[in-house]
Structure formats: C-alpha cells, structure tokens
Amino acid sequence: MIDMRRRTIAATLAAASLCAGALFAAPATAAVPTGGGHGGGHGPAQCSLVDKTLTATASVDQSLTDAFTTYGDTGGAWTGGDSTYSLPLGKGKTGWFFSDTFLGTVNPDGSRPTDSPFVNNSVVVQDRRGTLTTITGGTPDDPAGIIPPEPDGKWYWIGDPTPGRDGTVQVPLLQFARTGTGQWDFAWTANRLATLDGDTLQLQSIVDLPSATGINWGSWTLEERGTTYIYGIADPGGVRSAYVARVQDRNGLKGTWTYWNGTGWSAAETDAVPVVPYVANEFSVAPFRDGYLLVTQDTSELFSTRIVARTSCSPTGPFTDPVELYRTPETGALGSYGDPDVFTYNAHEHPNLRQGNRILVSYNVNTFDNVGDVYDDASIYRPRFIDVQLKVTG
C-alpha cells in the first residue's frame, strides 16, 4: 500500500510532469508567428546570422552529468530535481537552481528511500574545484524549499534567476495551489518574485509580479546592456508560445515592466503577443554571433525527444525555423530505460558556461510513474547535460 507521503509527492511530481505536455497558464488569444525574416524590438534588428545555415554536433557532457550522478548517489543531500537553471555566484561558484527536489540518500541498489525528504525548490552550489553543496530552507530535520510553501499550502516553482541589486539574486516564481483532492487538482495562481541573499541564498522577500493575463513569466531572463528581458509562456490556440517583457532600470525584475506588442513596447500586459511557437515551459535566449540563439525542447509534438535551436536578430524575434541539435535517448519504451513512462523536457542553454561555438545544454528526465519509478531508480529524476558544437556557414 502506498503511504500518504508518497501520494503527496506523486501529485506534485505529476504536476511537474505536465511541464512536458500541458500548460498551466490561462490561454492567451493571439496569433502565433511562424518565424523567419527580420524585425523586432532591439535596435535596427539587422544581422547576418538568420541568413546563414546552422548545424550542430552534440555529445553527452560526461563530466558534468557524472558529477551530478555521483553527488546524487553519495552526497547524502540532493538526490534529484528538475528545472536546472544556472547562475554565476562569484568567486568561481555556479548556482544550479532546481524546482521539485528530492533530498536525503540513495540506497546501494540505486533506489530512493520512500521516506526521502521532498521540497519544491533548492540550489546546488558548485565551487571552482567542482565540489557540490546543497542549499535549502528550513532545518536539517525539517528541510523546506529556498522559497517555502505559503501557510495556505500554495507552493513555488522557480524560473530563471538573475542578478539583483546589492549582490542579491532575483528568482521569478510560478505559484501553484491545490484545487481539490485529486492527483491533477492544482492550478497556477500567480507570478511572484523572490529576492535571495547573494551569499547565503536564503530568502529575503517575495513580491508580486504581473499576472493578469495568465502568461507564466520567468521561463528565461536575458540581461543585456542595462535591460533585462523576461520571457514567459502561454498557450494561444493550443500552441505553447513565448512572450517577452523588459525592464530598463537597476531594480531588475522589481522595476517597471513593458511588453512586446509586435511593433513596440507597451505598458499593458494585455498587449503582449507571442513571438515564437512550440517552445517548452523552460527555454533559453542568448546573444550569439551578431544575433540571438533560442534553445528549447520541441513542443510541436507531444513529449518530443527533439532539442532544437532557432536564431533571430532581436530578443523579440522573429525567429527562424528550428534546427535539430539533439535527440534525447531516455524517452519511452524504446529509450535507454526501456520504460514507456519515462520522458524528457525543458531543454535550455547555459550561456554563462559557453565556450565559443560550444554550448552547454541541459534537459530534465521524469516519469509518469511517480509512485514507483522515481523511487525504484533514483537516476531517472535528474538533469542531463550535453555539449553542442554549433557551426554557422553561408
């Protein structure tokens, strides 16, 4: 018989599983651009990148994948999580920010104890020597997320963290609440913003972010020349699509937001329009060559194994048609686990760890059997890392 704790964790992980195939946000009602061409909202939006041919050769980043595998199996702290955002923390440290996270230990046979602690977000700090350390909230005996649940039970998944003022870290949040007692009875309720102490990564404050339209903001943040672009997702016409807002002051995400409306920036969130279709709940946009590179899991097909890239001359698009970078090997009955319940999701780049045309991409692995598989095999619910060598010709 499955105990109630496993049922509670399973319900939360089931919610996370939907990141790969369904959207929590209220649907927006705007046409979705198909990409191609020039234009956008960043300077003249002229570049050569979109007119060239992009190809890729990818391989597993064995060093980083093995580091998290070894740490998860033997570290006695973090044993698995998803989201997998990264942020430089200074002094050669990198913070790896996770949403739903298992803590504790892993059994010698690779299984996860059924009483493993579970929190909705955490940070694993990697120092310059490669040593990993887990940061959570709460106490050692009763750990909580870095951003713990609210007293009324609402919980938080993290978005892409960004530097704040005075050495702080700003983390966009998606807030969720239970709507009933069933496994799928939950809903997104708001976007919020956490400020963390830059040294301890402990929570300082939470404030509200724009939430009127149902767009889930925080899928990605891009800092460039005093401007922070904030990417979000919504589901117009059943197509998961990206939206863009920006802030142009030193307050970062606490500043005044404006929204890309297709031709310029509007003060009204309701004017935001989709800029590219078929993105995942998490993706990345970063400068590349004389343009921009978007990396995402393909959502034009359900539970796709394809990680793709698009290019643009502007952070707001339009973006070119997708180019395949990699196919994840874990998914489905024919995948490396031989398990029809296993799937992959939420691929994105880590631009802070890019080396020339070699980019580092992570993606997450999960399973629909959240009361069995994640306990039977702790390796499933962990990030994977790939090195992608890009080539631009033409």
Protein backbone atom coordinates (compact mmCIF):
# COMPACT_ATOMS: atom_id res chain seq x y z
CA MET A 1 0.00 0.00 0.00
CA ILE A 2 1.38 3.43 -0.95
CA ASP A 3 1.66 5.75 2.03
CA MET A 4 0.16 9.24 2.01
CA ARG A 5 3.59 10.94 1.76
CA ARG A 6 4.28 9.13 -1.50
CA ARG A 7 0.87 10.13 -2.79
CA THR A 8 1.55 13.79 -1.93
CA ILE A 9 4.95 13.75 -3.63
CA ALA A 10 3.49 11.91 -6.59
CA ALA A 11 0.82 14.56 -7.05
CA THR A 12 3.44 17.32 -7.03
CA LEU A 13 5.71 15.47 -9.44
CA ALA A 14 2.72 14.72 -11.64
CA ALA A 15 2.21 18.45 -11.82
CA ALA A 16 5.83 18.84 -12.85
CA SER A 17 5.33 16.15 -15.45
CA LEU A 18 2.75 18.30 -17.16
CA CYS A 19 5.51 20.77 -18.00
CA ALA A 20 6.34 18.41 -20.85
CA GLY A 21 2.88 18.16 -22.30
CA ALA A 22 0.35 20.64 -20.98
CA LEU A 23 0.26 24.24 -19.89
CA PHE A 24 -0.87 25.62 -16.55
CA ALA A 25 -1.37 29.21 -17.61
CA ALA A 26 -4.65 30.58 -18.83
CA PRO A 27 -4.68 30.54 -22.64
CA ALA A 28 -3.90 33.76 -24.43
CA THR A 29 -5.76 34.70 -27.60
CA ALA A 30 -3.31 35.97 -30.19
CA ALA A 31 -1.98 34.69 -33.47
CA VAL A 32 1.33 32.89 -33.24
CA PRO A 33 4.12 33.98 -35.60
CA THR A 34 5.84 31.24 -37.53
CA GLY A 35 9.26 32.92 -37.65
CA GLY A 36 11.64 33.93 -40.39
CA GLY A 37 12.64 37.33 -41.70
CA HIS A 38 13.92 40.40 -39.86
CA GLY A 39 12.39 42.83 -37.44
CA GLY A 40 11.77 43.10 -33.73
CA GLY A 41 12.35 45.44 -30.87
CA HIS A 42 16.07 45.79 -30.37
CA GLY A 43 17.81 48.38 -32.47
CA PRO A 44 17.63 48.02 -36.25
CA ALA A 45 17.37 44.22 -35.96
CA GLN A 46 19.69 43.60 -38.88
CA CYS A 47 22.18 40.76 -38.66
CA SER A 48 23.73 38.09 -40.82
CA LEU A 49 23.01 35.16 -38.53
CA VAL A 50 19.47 34.47 -39.71
CA ASP A 51 20.59 34.22 -43.33
CA LYS A 52 23.21 31.58 -42.59
CA THR A 53 22.93 27.81 -42.12
CA LEU A 54 23.18 26.49 -38.58
CA THR A 55 24.24 22.88 -37.98
CA ALA A 56 25.13 21.07 -34.78
CA THR A 57 27.09 18.11 -33.45
CA ALA A 58 26.15 17.04 -29.92
CA SER A 59 27.52 14.65 -27.32
CA VAL A 60 26.93 13.94 -23.65
CA ASP A 61 28.85 16.23 -21.29
CA GLN A 62 30.07 13.26 -19.30
CA SER A 63 31.97 15.26 -16.69
CA LEU A 64 29.00 17.33 -15.53
CA THR A 65 26.48 14.52 -15.90
CA ASP A 66 28.72 12.20 -13.86
CA ALA A 67 29.29 14.90 -11.23
CA PHE A 68 25.57 15.17 -10.50
CA THR A 69 25.15 11.40 -10.70
CA THR A 70 27.91 10.79 -8.16
CA TYR A 71 26.72 13.60 -5.90
CA GLY A 72 23.13 12.40 -6.04
CA ASP A 73 24.13 8.83 -5.21
CA THR A 74 26.67 9.55 -2.48
CA GLY A 75 26.34 13.15 -1.27
CA GLY A 76 23.64 12.49 1.32
CA ALA A 77 21.81 15.68 0.32
CA TRP A 78 20.35 16.39 -3.15
CA THR A 79 19.32 13.19 -4.96
CA GLY A 80 17.37 14.62 -7.91
CA GLY A 81 15.48 17.61 -9.25
CA ASP A 82 14.29 19.47 -12.32
CA SER A 83 14.41 22.94 -13.94
CA THR A 84 18.25 23.10 -13.82
CA TYR A 85 18.89 26.82 -14.22
CA SER A 86 22.39 28.14 -13.55
CA LEU A 87 23.76 31.48 -12.37
CA PRO A 88 27.34 32.63 -11.64
CA LEU A 89 27.61 33.45 -7.93
CA GLY A 90 31.10 34.96 -7.83
CA LYS A 91 34.40 33.55 -6.55
CA GLY A 92 34.25 30.89 -9.25
CA LYS A 93 30.96 29.43 -7.97
CA THR A 94 27.93 28.42 -10.02
CA GLY A 95 24.47 28.05 -8.53
CA TRP A 96 22.32 25.28 -10.04
CA PHE A 97 18.69 26.17 -9.30
CA PHE A 98 16.16 23.36 -9.18
CA SER A 99 12.40 23.18 -8.74
CA ASP A 100 10.90 19.97 -7.26
CA THR A 101 13.78 18.29 -5.43
CA PHE A 102 14.40 15.01 -3.59
CA LEU A 103 16.80 15.15 -0.65
CA GLY A 104 18.39 12.50 1.53
CA THR A 105 20.26 9.39 0.45
CA VAL A 106 20.18 6.74 -2.25
CA ASN A 107 20.23 3.04 -1.43
CA PRO A 108 23.17 0.88 -2.61
CA ASP A 109 20.94 -0.65 -5.32
CA GLY A 110 20.21 2.81 -6.79
CA SER A 111 16.69 3.08 -5.38
CA ARG A 112 15.42 6.06 -3.40
CA PRO A 113 14.03 5.52 0.12
CA THR A 114 10.27 6.06 0.21
CA ASP A 115 10.63 8.49 3.12
CA SER A 116 13.04 10.76 1.23
CA PRO A 117 12.52 14.46 2.05
CA PHE A 118 10.93 16.42 -0.79
CA VAL A 119 10.95 20.21 -1.34
CA ASN A 120 9.65 22.36 -4.19
CA ASN A 121 12.93 24.18 -4.90
CA SER A 122 16.62 24.09 -3.99
CA VAL A 123 20.07 25.26 -5.08
CA VAL A 124 23.16 23.13 -5.58
CA VAL A 125 26.30 25.29 -5.44
CA GLN A 126 29.35 24.15 -7.43
CA ASP A 127 32.65 25.72 -6.39
CA ARG A 128 35.70 26.29 -8.57
CA ARG A 129 37.02 22.82 -7.64
CA GLY A 130 33.78 21.18 -8.74
CA THR A 131 32.57 20.38 -5.20
CA LEU A 132 28.77 20.39 -4.89
CA THR A 133 26.80 21.59 -1.86
CA THR A 134 23.02 21.65 -1.42
CA ILE A 135 21.24 24.75 -0.11
CA THR A 136 17.65 24.59 1.14
CA GLY A 137 15.48 26.38 3.65
CA GLY A 138 14.03 25.07 6.87
CA THR A 139 16.15 22.99 9.22
CA PRO A 140 18.23 19.83 8.77
CA ASP A 141 15.49 17.83 10.47
CA ASP A 142 12.67 19.56 8.59
CA PRO A 143 14.01 20.96 5.30
CA ALA A 144 11.96 23.30 3.15
CA GLY A 145 12.47 24.93 -0.19
CA ILE A 146 14.63 28.01 -0.56
CA ILE A 147 11.24 29.58 -1.20
CA PRO A 148 8.98 27.55 1.10
CA PRO A 149 5.26 26.96 0.63
CA GLU A 150 2.85 29.59 1.91
CA PRO A 151 0.84 28.91 5.10
CA ASP A 152 -2.21 28.22 2.91
CA GLY A 153 -0.31 25.48 1.06
CA LYS A 154 0.50 27.34 -2.16
CA TRP A 155 3.93 26.34 -3.46
CA TYR A 156 6.54 27.71 -5.85
CA TRP A 157 8.48 26.50 -8.85
CA ILE A 158 11.40 28.65 -9.86
CA GLY A 159 12.14 30.49 -13.08
CA ASP A 160 15.48 31.62 -14.45
CA PRO A 161 17.40 33.53 -11.73
CA THR A 162 19.03 36.86 -12.46
CA PRO A 163 21.36 39.19 -10.52
CA GLY A 164 19.62 41.77 -8.33
CA ARG A 165 20.82 44.97 -6.67
CA ASP A 166 23.48 44.93 -3.95
CA GLY A 167 24.62 41.41 -4.77
CA THR A 168 21.24 39.79 -4.34
CA VAL A 169 19.70 37.12 -6.57
CA GLN A 170 16.24 37.60 -8.05
CA VAL A 171 14.23 34.46 -8.81
CA PRO A 172 10.94 34.66 -10.75
CA LEU A 173 8.39 32.23 -9.33
CA LEU A 174 5.33 30.35 -10.53
CA GLN A 175 2.84 29.94 -7.68
CA PHE A 176 0.51 26.94 -7.62
CA ALA A 177 -2.40 25.89 -5.42
CA ARG A 178 -4.45 22.77 -4.90
CA THR A 179 -7.99 22.97 -6.28
CA GLY A 180 -9.22 19.63 -4.92
CA THR A 181 -8.09 16.31 -3.55
CA GLY A 182 -7.37 14.55 -6.85
CA GLN A 183 -3.90 13.99 -8.31
CA TRP A 184 -4.48 16.60 -11.03
CA ASP A 185 -6.39 19.11 -8.91
CA PHE A 186 -4.00 22.06 -8.91
CA ALA A 187 -3.63 25.32 -10.84
CA TRP A 188 -1.24 28.17 -11.45
CA THR A 189 -2.34 31.17 -9.41
CA ALA A 190 0.25 33.94 -9.80
CA ASN A 191 3.72 35.05 -10.85
CA ARG A 192 5.87 36.30 -7.99
CA LEU A 193 9.48 37.33 -7.38
CA ALA A 194 11.82 36.10 -4.65
CA THR A 195 14.93 38.02 -3.61
CA LEU A 196 17.69 35.87 -2.12
CA ASP A 197 20.78 36.89 -0.19
CA GLY A 198 23.63 36.59 -2.67
CA ASP A 199 25.96 34.89 -0.20
CA THR A 200 23.69 32.52 1.74
CA LEU A 201 20.97 32.15 -0.94
CA GLN A 202 18.39 32.42 1.83
CA LEU A 203 15.07 34.14 1.18
CA GLN A 204 14.83 37.87 1.90
CA SER A 205 11.47 38.79 0.40
CA ILE A 206 8.69 37.88 -2.04
CA VAL A 207 6.73 40.42 -4.08
CA ASP A 208 4.08 40.13 -6.77
CA LEU A 209 4.85 40.12 -10.49
CA PRO A 210 2.44 40.82 -13.38
CA SER A 211 -0.13 38.01 -13.55
CA ALA A 212 -3.26 39.48 -15.14
CA THR A 213 -3.12 37.64 -18.47
CA GLY A 214 -2.19 34.14 -17.36
CA ILE A 215 1.23 34.31 -19.03
CA ASN A 216 3.71 32.34 -16.91
CA TRP A 217 6.63 34.80 -16.75
CA GLY A 218 10.14 33.68 -15.86
CA SER A 219 10.87 30.90 -18.34
CA TRP A 220 14.05 32.81 -19.11
CA THR A 221 15.74 36.11 -18.29
CA LEU A 222 18.27 37.84 -20.53
CA GLU A 223 20.43 40.70 -19.21
CA GLU A 224 21.90 42.93 -21.89
CA ARG A 225 23.28 46.48 -21.74
CA GLY A 226 21.18 47.61 -18.79
CA THR A 227 17.99 45.91 -19.99
CA THR A 228 16.53 42.69 -18.60
CA TYR A 229 14.27 40.76 -20.95
CA ILE A 230 11.80 38.41 -19.29
CA TYR A 231 10.34 35.53 -21.28
CA GLY A 232 7.12 33.79 -20.45
CA ILE A 233 4.78 31.22 -21.93
CA ALA A 234 1.10 30.89 -22.70
CA ASP A 235 -0.99 28.64 -24.89
CA PRO A 236 -2.80 30.58 -27.65
CA GLY A 237 -4.82 28.23 -29.79
CA GLY A 238 -3.28 25.24 -28.04
CA VAL A 239 0.25 26.17 -29.18
CA ARG A 240 2.75 26.78 -26.40
CA SER A 241 4.37 30.08 -27.29
CA ALA A 242 6.86 32.59 -25.93
CA TYR A 243 6.16 36.19 -24.88
CA VAL A 244 8.65 38.95 -23.99
CA ALA A 245 8.65 41.74 -21.42
CA ARG A 246 11.51 44.01 -20.42
CA VAL A 247 12.75 46.17 -17.56
CA GLN A 248 15.17 49.07 -18.04
CA ASP A 249 16.36 50.11 -14.60
CA ARG A 250 18.68 48.97 -11.83
CA ASN A 251 15.85 47.33 -9.88
CA GLY A 252 15.90 44.33 -12.20
CA LEU A 253 12.64 42.40 -12.18
CA LYS A 254 11.30 44.71 -9.45
CA GLY A 255 11.35 47.55 -11.96
CA THR A 256 8.69 48.75 -14.38
CA TRP A 257 7.71 46.13 -16.93
CA THR A 258 6.77 46.81 -20.55
CA TYR A 259 5.59 44.20 -23.03
CA TRP A 260 6.40 43.49 -26.66
CA ASN A 261 3.21 44.04 -28.68
CA GLY A 262 4.58 43.12 -32.10
CA THR A 263 5.83 46.56 -33.08
CA GLY A 264 6.97 48.19 -29.84
CA TRP A 265 6.80 48.17 -26.05
CA SER A 266 3.51 48.69 -24.21
CA ALA A 267 2.82 49.36 -20.54
CA ALA A 268 -0.16 46.95 -20.67
CA GLU A 269 0.43 43.24 -20.11
CA THR A 270 -2.71 42.53 -22.13
CA ASP A 271 -0.90 43.90 -25.21
CA ALA A 272 1.79 41.19 -25.09
CA VAL A 273 1.84 38.99 -28.19
CA PRO A 274 3.53 35.63 -28.85
CA VAL A 275 6.89 35.89 -30.58
CA VAL A 276 7.67 32.23 -31.36
CA PRO A 277 5.64 29.00 -31.18
CA TYR A 278 6.36 25.49 -29.90
CA VAL A 279 8.67 26.38 -27.03
CA ALA A 280 8.77 24.42 -23.77
CA ASN A 281 7.90 25.79 -20.35
CA GLU A 282 11.61 26.48 -19.95
CA PHE A 283 13.90 27.58 -22.78
CA SER A 284 16.79 30.00 -23.34
CA VAL A 285 17.55 33.06 -25.46
CA ALA A 286 21.10 34.42 -25.55
CA PRO A 287 23.32 36.55 -27.79
CA PHE A 288 25.11 34.50 -30.44
CA ARG A 289 27.34 35.86 -33.18
CA ASP A 290 25.60 39.06 -34.34
CA GLY A 291 22.14 37.82 -33.36
CA TYR A 292 20.42 35.60 -30.81
CA LEU A 293 20.11 31.88 -30.22
CA LEU A 294 16.97 30.26 -28.79
CA VAL A 295 17.25 26.68 -27.46
CA THR A 296 14.19 24.66 -26.47
CA GLN A 297 12.63 21.25 -26.37
CA ASP A 298 10.35 20.93 -29.39
CA THR A 299 6.67 21.06 -28.35
CA SER A 300 5.19 20.78 -31.83
CA GLU A 301 4.84 17.09 -30.99
CA LEU A 302 3.80 15.62 -27.66
CA PHE A 303 6.73 14.51 -25.46
CA SER A 304 9.20 15.13 -28.24
CA THR A 305 12.78 13.89 -27.95
CA ARG A 306 13.99 16.78 -30.12
CA ILE A 307 16.05 19.65 -28.76
CA VAL A 308 16.10 22.45 -31.31
CA ALA A 309 17.55 25.91 -31.89
CA ARG A 310 16.24 28.99 -33.67
CA THR A 311 18.05 32.24 -34.47
CA SER A 312 16.94 35.85 -34.59
CA CYS A 313 18.32 39.35 -34.98
CA SER A 314 16.39 40.55 -31.93
CA PRO A 315 15.37 39.27 -28.48
CA THR A 316 11.79 39.71 -29.65
CA GLY A 317 12.16 37.77 -32.90
CA PRO A 318 11.06 36.90 -35.44
CA PHE A 319 12.88 33.59 -35.11
CA THR A 320 13.94 31.27 -37.90
CA ASP A 321 12.63 27.75 -38.34
CA PRO A 322 14.03 25.21 -35.85
CA VAL A 323 17.26 23.28 -36.38
CA GLU A 324 17.66 19.98 -34.54
CA LEU A 325 20.52 19.87 -32.03
CA TYR A 326 19.98 16.53 -30.28
CA ARG A 327 17.51 13.73 -29.64
CA THR A 328 17.20 12.67 -26.02
CA PRO A 329 17.75 8.90 -25.67
CA GLU A 330 15.78 8.25 -22.48
CA THR A 331 12.20 8.66 -23.69
CA GLY A 332 9.69 5.83 -23.97
CA ALA A 333 9.70 2.06 -24.24
CA LEU A 334 12.46 2.19 -26.88
CA GLY A 335 14.55 4.60 -24.83
CA SER A 336 17.54 3.85 -22.63
CA TYR A 337 15.35 2.97 -19.63
CA GLY A 338 13.09 0.71 -21.69
CA ASP A 339 10.19 2.34 -19.84
CA PRO A 340 7.15 3.80 -21.64
CA ASP A 341 6.53 6.16 -18.70
CA VAL A 342 9.88 7.99 -18.98
CA PHE A 343 10.08 11.29 -20.87
CA THR A 344 12.38 14.31 -21.26
CA TYR A 345 11.56 18.02 -21.17
CA ASN A 346 12.60 21.66 -20.65
CA ALA A 347 15.92 21.81 -22.50
CA HIS A 348 17.83 25.09 -22.49
CA GLU A 349 21.32 26.51 -22.81
CA HIS A 350 23.62 27.75 -20.03
CA PRO A 351 25.20 30.79 -21.75
CA ASN A 352 27.41 31.54 -18.73
CA LEU A 353 29.21 28.24 -19.46
CA ARG A 354 29.52 28.67 -23.23
CA GLN A 355 32.93 28.29 -24.86
CA GLY A 356 33.00 29.86 -28.31
CA ASN A 357 30.63 27.92 -30.55
CA ARG A 358 30.38 25.10 -27.99
CA ILE A 359 27.27 25.49 -25.90
CA LEU A 360 26.18 23.57 -22.81
CA VAL A 361 22.55 22.41 -22.81
CA SER A 362 20.67 20.69 -20.01
CA TYR A 363 17.38 18.83 -20.06
CA ASN A 364 15.29 17.02 -17.47
CA VAL A 365 14.11 13.41 -17.21
CA ASN A 366 10.90 12.35 -15.46
CA THR A 367 8.31 9.57 -15.42
CA PHE A 368 4.56 9.26 -15.25
CA ASP A 369 5.00 6.50 -12.66
CA ASN A 370 5.71 8.90 -9.82
CA VAL A 371 4.81 6.45 -7.09
CA GLY A 372 7.12 3.77 -8.48
CA ASP A 373 9.84 4.74 -10.93
CA VAL A 374 11.24 7.76 -9.07
CA TYR A 375 11.76 5.55 -6.03
CA ASP A 376 12.83 2.39 -7.82
CA ASP A 377 15.54 4.21 -9.83
CA ALA A 378 16.86 7.48 -8.44
CA SER A 379 18.75 8.21 -11.66
CA ILE A 380 15.58 8.98 -13.60
CA TYR A 381 14.71 12.27 -11.91
CA ARG A 382 17.97 14.10 -12.61
CA PRO A 383 19.28 16.56 -15.20
CA ARG A 384 21.33 15.54 -18.21
CA PHE A 385 23.95 17.74 -19.85
CA ILE A 386 25.12 17.83 -23.46
CA ASP A 387 27.84 19.70 -25.30
CA VAL A 388 26.67 21.08 -28.63
CA GLN A 389 29.20 22.28 -31.18
CA LEU A 390 27.49 24.78 -33.48
CA LYS A 391 28.64 25.52 -36.99
CA VAL A 392 27.49 28.56 -38.99
CA THR A 393 28.01 28.54 -42.74
CA GLY A 394 26.85 30.51 -45.75
